[in-house]
Amino acid sequence: MLSFLAVNTRRLACLLAFLLVLLLFSSCSAVSDVSSEHVLAAMISSAKDLPAGKIYTTASSPGAPDYLSQDLLTALYGSGDYPSVFERTREISIWTSSGLYAVEFAVFFCNTDRDTEEIADLCLGRIDDMRRFVNENSDKLSLEQSVIKGLDGAKVIIAKRCVIMAVHSSASIAIDAAKEEILRKF
C-alpha cells in the first residue's frame, strides 16, 4: 500500500509540474498579444488637453515616418551604461509633444525583469532631463501651469515586463489606462 501511495504522489507531482509549465507558457504568450501601440493609444485617449504630438514606434518599418530608430531613442533617452535599449526590449512606442512642451508618454515591453528595472531608470533619467531643460530655459519658455504640473506629477511604473512612463498633468489617469489595457489581455 505504501509503494502505491509513493507512485501516485510522484505522478501527482509530475502532473502539477506539467500544469505549472503550461501556465507559464500561456501567460508568456498572452504578454506577446499586447501591443505597445494599443497601450499607448489607451494612455493618449485618457489624457485631457494634450498639445500636438507625434507617435514613434519600433513596430513600424525602418524608414517609415513613425519608426522609432535607435538614433531617435538615444537622442530622447540617452544610451545609459548598459547595452542598447533595443537589445533589452521587444517593442517600444512613444508619444512626444511637438514644440516646447514637456509632455510625453512611453511604453517599453522588456525582455527580462532586470531589463525592466534598468529601462525604468532610463525613463526616470528622461524625466530629470525634461525638468532640467524647463528649469534652465524657464525665462525663454512661456510655460503653462499644466506643463509644470505634468512634470511634478510624472510617473514611471512597471506592470509585468512593461515600463510605462507618463509626463502629463493627468499622468495617474494615463497610467491607469495603460495598466487596464495590459491586464485586459490576460
Protein backbone atom coordinates (compact mmCIF):
# COMPACT_ATOMS: atom_id res chain seq x y z
CA MET A 1 0.00 0.00 0.00
CA LEU A 2 2.85 2.35 0.84
CA SER A 3 4.52 1.86 -2.58
CA PHE A 4 1.16 2.56 -4.30
CA LEU A 5 0.91 5.86 -2.39
CA ALA A 6 4.50 6.81 -3.27
CA VAL A 7 3.92 6.15 -7.00
CA ASN A 8 0.71 8.20 -7.02
CA THR A 9 2.42 11.05 -5.15
CA ARG A 10 5.14 11.14 -7.80
CA ARG A 11 2.53 11.12 -10.57
CA LEU A 12 0.65 13.94 -8.87
CA ALA A 13 3.88 15.95 -8.51
CA CYS A 14 4.68 15.42 -12.22
CA LEU A 15 1.17 16.45 -13.20
CA LEU A 16 1.41 19.60 -11.08
CA ALA A 17 4.82 20.45 -12.57
CA PHE A 18 3.41 19.99 -16.09
CA LEU A 19 0.44 22.23 -15.31
CA LEU A 20 2.76 24.89 -13.90
CA VAL A 21 4.90 24.85 -17.06
CA LEU A 22 1.75 25.04 -19.19
CA LEU A 23 0.52 28.01 -17.16
CA LEU A 24 3.86 29.81 -17.54
CA PHE A 25 3.86 29.32 -21.31
CA SER A 26 0.28 30.52 -21.65
CA SER A 27 1.00 33.68 -19.62
CA CYS A 28 4.08 34.41 -21.77
CA SER A 29 2.05 34.13 -24.95
CA ALA A 30 -0.56 36.49 -23.52
CA VAL A 31 2.12 39.13 -23.00
CA SER A 32 3.00 38.98 -26.69
CA ASP A 33 -0.65 39.66 -27.58
CA VAL A 34 -0.39 43.10 -26.01
CA SER A 35 0.83 45.80 -28.37
CA SER A 36 2.77 48.81 -27.10
CA GLU A 37 0.81 50.86 -29.65
CA HIS A 38 -2.51 49.80 -28.08
CA VAL A 39 -1.27 50.60 -24.59
CA LEU A 40 -0.02 53.99 -25.79
CA ALA A 41 -3.34 54.68 -27.55
CA ALA A 42 -5.18 53.99 -24.28
CA MET A 43 -2.92 56.48 -22.50
CA ILE A 44 -3.41 59.15 -25.16
CA SER A 45 -7.18 58.76 -25.25
CA SER A 46 -7.39 59.04 -21.44
CA ALA A 47 -5.38 62.27 -21.26
CA LYS A 48 -7.04 65.67 -21.41
CA ASP A 49 -5.72 68.74 -23.22
CA LEU A 50 -2.77 67.16 -24.97
CA PRO A 51 -0.73 69.50 -27.16
CA ALA A 52 0.10 68.45 -30.71
CA GLY A 53 2.45 65.50 -30.76
CA LYS A 54 3.73 62.51 -32.66
CA ILE A 55 3.87 58.77 -32.09
CA TYR A 56 7.06 56.82 -32.75
CA THR A 57 7.18 53.04 -32.53
CA THR A 58 9.58 50.19 -33.18
CA ALA A 59 6.61 48.25 -34.58
CA SER A 60 6.78 50.35 -37.77
CA SER A 61 9.08 49.54 -40.65
CA PRO A 62 12.50 51.20 -40.69
CA GLY A 63 12.28 54.30 -42.86
CA ALA A 64 8.60 54.92 -42.07
CA PRO A 65 7.88 58.42 -40.68
CA ASP A 66 6.75 56.97 -37.33
CA TYR A 67 9.60 54.46 -36.97
CA LEU A 68 11.42 54.79 -33.65
CA SER A 69 15.06 54.40 -34.65
CA GLN A 70 17.88 53.75 -32.23
CA ASP A 71 19.28 57.22 -33.03
CA LEU A 72 16.00 58.93 -32.12
CA LEU A 73 15.61 56.85 -28.97
CA THR A 74 19.17 57.72 -27.91
CA ALA A 75 18.50 61.42 -28.58
CA LEU A 76 15.43 61.29 -26.33
CA TYR A 77 16.53 58.89 -23.59
CA GLY A 78 20.30 58.69 -23.77
CA SER A 79 22.19 55.44 -24.05
CA GLY A 80 22.90 54.56 -20.44
CA ASP A 81 25.85 52.49 -19.28
CA TYR A 82 24.41 49.21 -20.45
CA PRO A 83 23.58 47.54 -23.77
CA SER A 84 21.21 49.15 -26.20
CA VAL A 85 17.61 49.70 -25.21
CA PHE A 86 16.75 47.91 -28.45
CA GLU A 87 18.53 44.79 -27.19
CA ARG A 88 16.58 44.92 -23.92
CA THR A 89 13.11 45.40 -25.38
CA ARG A 90 10.82 43.64 -27.82
CA GLU A 91 8.70 46.70 -28.62
CA ILE A 92 8.61 50.42 -27.79
CA SER A 93 6.03 53.11 -28.51
CA ILE A 94 6.45 56.75 -27.55
CA TRP A 95 4.20 59.78 -27.92
CA THR A 96 6.07 63.05 -27.52
CA SER A 97 4.71 66.55 -27.77
CA SER A 98 5.65 68.86 -30.60
CA GLY A 99 7.17 72.18 -29.70
CA LEU A 100 8.37 73.21 -26.27
CA TYR A 101 6.02 71.16 -24.11
CA ALA A 102 7.33 68.76 -21.50
CA VAL A 103 4.66 66.15 -22.17
CA GLU A 104 5.42 62.55 -23.08
CA PHE A 105 4.07 59.01 -22.82
CA ALA A 106 6.19 55.90 -23.36
CA VAL A 107 5.62 52.14 -23.31
CA PHE A 108 8.58 49.71 -23.28
CA PHE A 109 8.00 45.94 -23.45
CA CYS A 110 11.17 44.48 -21.94
CA ASN A 111 12.78 41.07 -22.34
CA THR A 112 13.66 40.33 -18.69
CA ASP A 113 12.86 41.62 -15.22
CA ARG A 114 16.36 43.12 -14.94
CA ASP A 115 15.88 44.92 -18.27
CA THR A 116 12.59 46.28 -16.94
CA GLU A 117 14.28 47.81 -13.89
CA GLU A 118 17.04 49.38 -15.98
CA ILE A 119 14.59 50.79 -18.56
CA ALA A 120 12.55 52.28 -15.69
CA ASP A 121 15.75 54.00 -14.51
CA LEU A 122 16.30 55.29 -18.04
CA CYS A 123 12.76 56.76 -18.01
CA LEU A 124 13.41 58.44 -14.67
CA GLY A 125 16.54 59.96 -16.19
CA ARG A 126 14.43 61.25 -19.11
CA ILE A 127 12.09 62.97 -16.65
CA ASP A 128 15.06 64.53 -14.85
CA ASP A 129 16.39 65.79 -18.21
CA MET A 130 13.00 67.32 -19.01
CA ARG A 131 12.90 69.05 -15.60
CA ARG A 132 16.44 70.35 -16.08
CA PHE A 133 15.57 71.71 -19.54
CA VAL A 134 12.50 73.51 -18.22
CA ASN A 135 14.41 74.96 -15.26
CA GLU A 136 17.32 76.15 -17.42
CA ASN A 137 15.04 77.68 -20.06
CA SER A 138 12.12 78.93 -17.99
CA ASP A 139 12.88 82.56 -18.91
CA LYS A 140 12.65 81.69 -22.64
CA LEU A 141 9.58 79.50 -22.41
CA SER A 142 6.05 80.63 -21.83
CA LEU A 143 5.07 77.66 -19.72
CA GLU A 144 1.51 76.89 -18.93
CA GLN A 145 0.80 75.74 -15.40
CA SER A 146 -0.26 72.33 -16.76
CA VAL A 147 3.25 71.72 -18.14
CA ILE A 148 4.84 72.36 -14.76
CA LYS A 149 2.14 70.28 -13.08
CA GLY A 150 2.83 67.47 -15.58
CA LEU A 151 6.50 67.40 -14.66
CA ASP A 152 5.68 67.42 -10.96
CA GLY A 153 3.24 64.52 -11.39
CA ALA A 154 5.35 62.48 -13.83
CA LYS A 155 5.22 58.75 -13.19
CA VAL A 156 7.11 55.62 -14.18
CA ILE A 157 5.66 52.23 -13.29
CA ILE A 158 6.37 48.61 -14.05
CA ALA A 159 3.47 46.31 -14.99
CA LYS A 160 4.55 42.75 -15.79
CA ARG A 161 7.60 43.25 -18.05
CA CYS A 162 6.34 46.57 -19.28
CA VAL A 163 7.67 50.00 -18.30
CA ILE A 164 5.15 52.81 -18.60
CA MET A 165 6.10 56.48 -18.37
CA ALA A 166 3.69 59.41 -18.26
CA VAL A 167 4.71 63.06 -18.12
CA HIS A 168 1.45 64.98 -18.09
CA SER A 169 -0.85 66.73 -15.64
CA SER A 170 -3.12 63.65 -15.73
CA ALA A 171 -0.28 61.10 -15.55
CA SER A 172 -2.10 58.93 -13.00
CA ILE A 173 -5.13 58.61 -15.27
CA ALA A 174 -2.93 57.72 -18.26
CA ILE A 175 -1.01 55.13 -16.20
CA ASP A 176 -4.29 53.56 -15.03
CA ALA A 177 -5.49 53.36 -18.65
CA ALA A 178 -2.22 51.66 -19.65
CA LYS A 179 -2.42 49.13 -16.80
CA GLU A 180 -6.04 48.36 -17.70
CA GLU A 181 -5.09 47.75 -21.34
CA ILE A 182 -2.26 45.41 -20.30
CA LEU A 183 -4.35 43.49 -17.76
CA ARG A 184 -7.31 43.26 -20.14
CA LYS A 185 -5.23 40.96 -22.34
CA PHE A 186 -4.63 38.42 -19.56
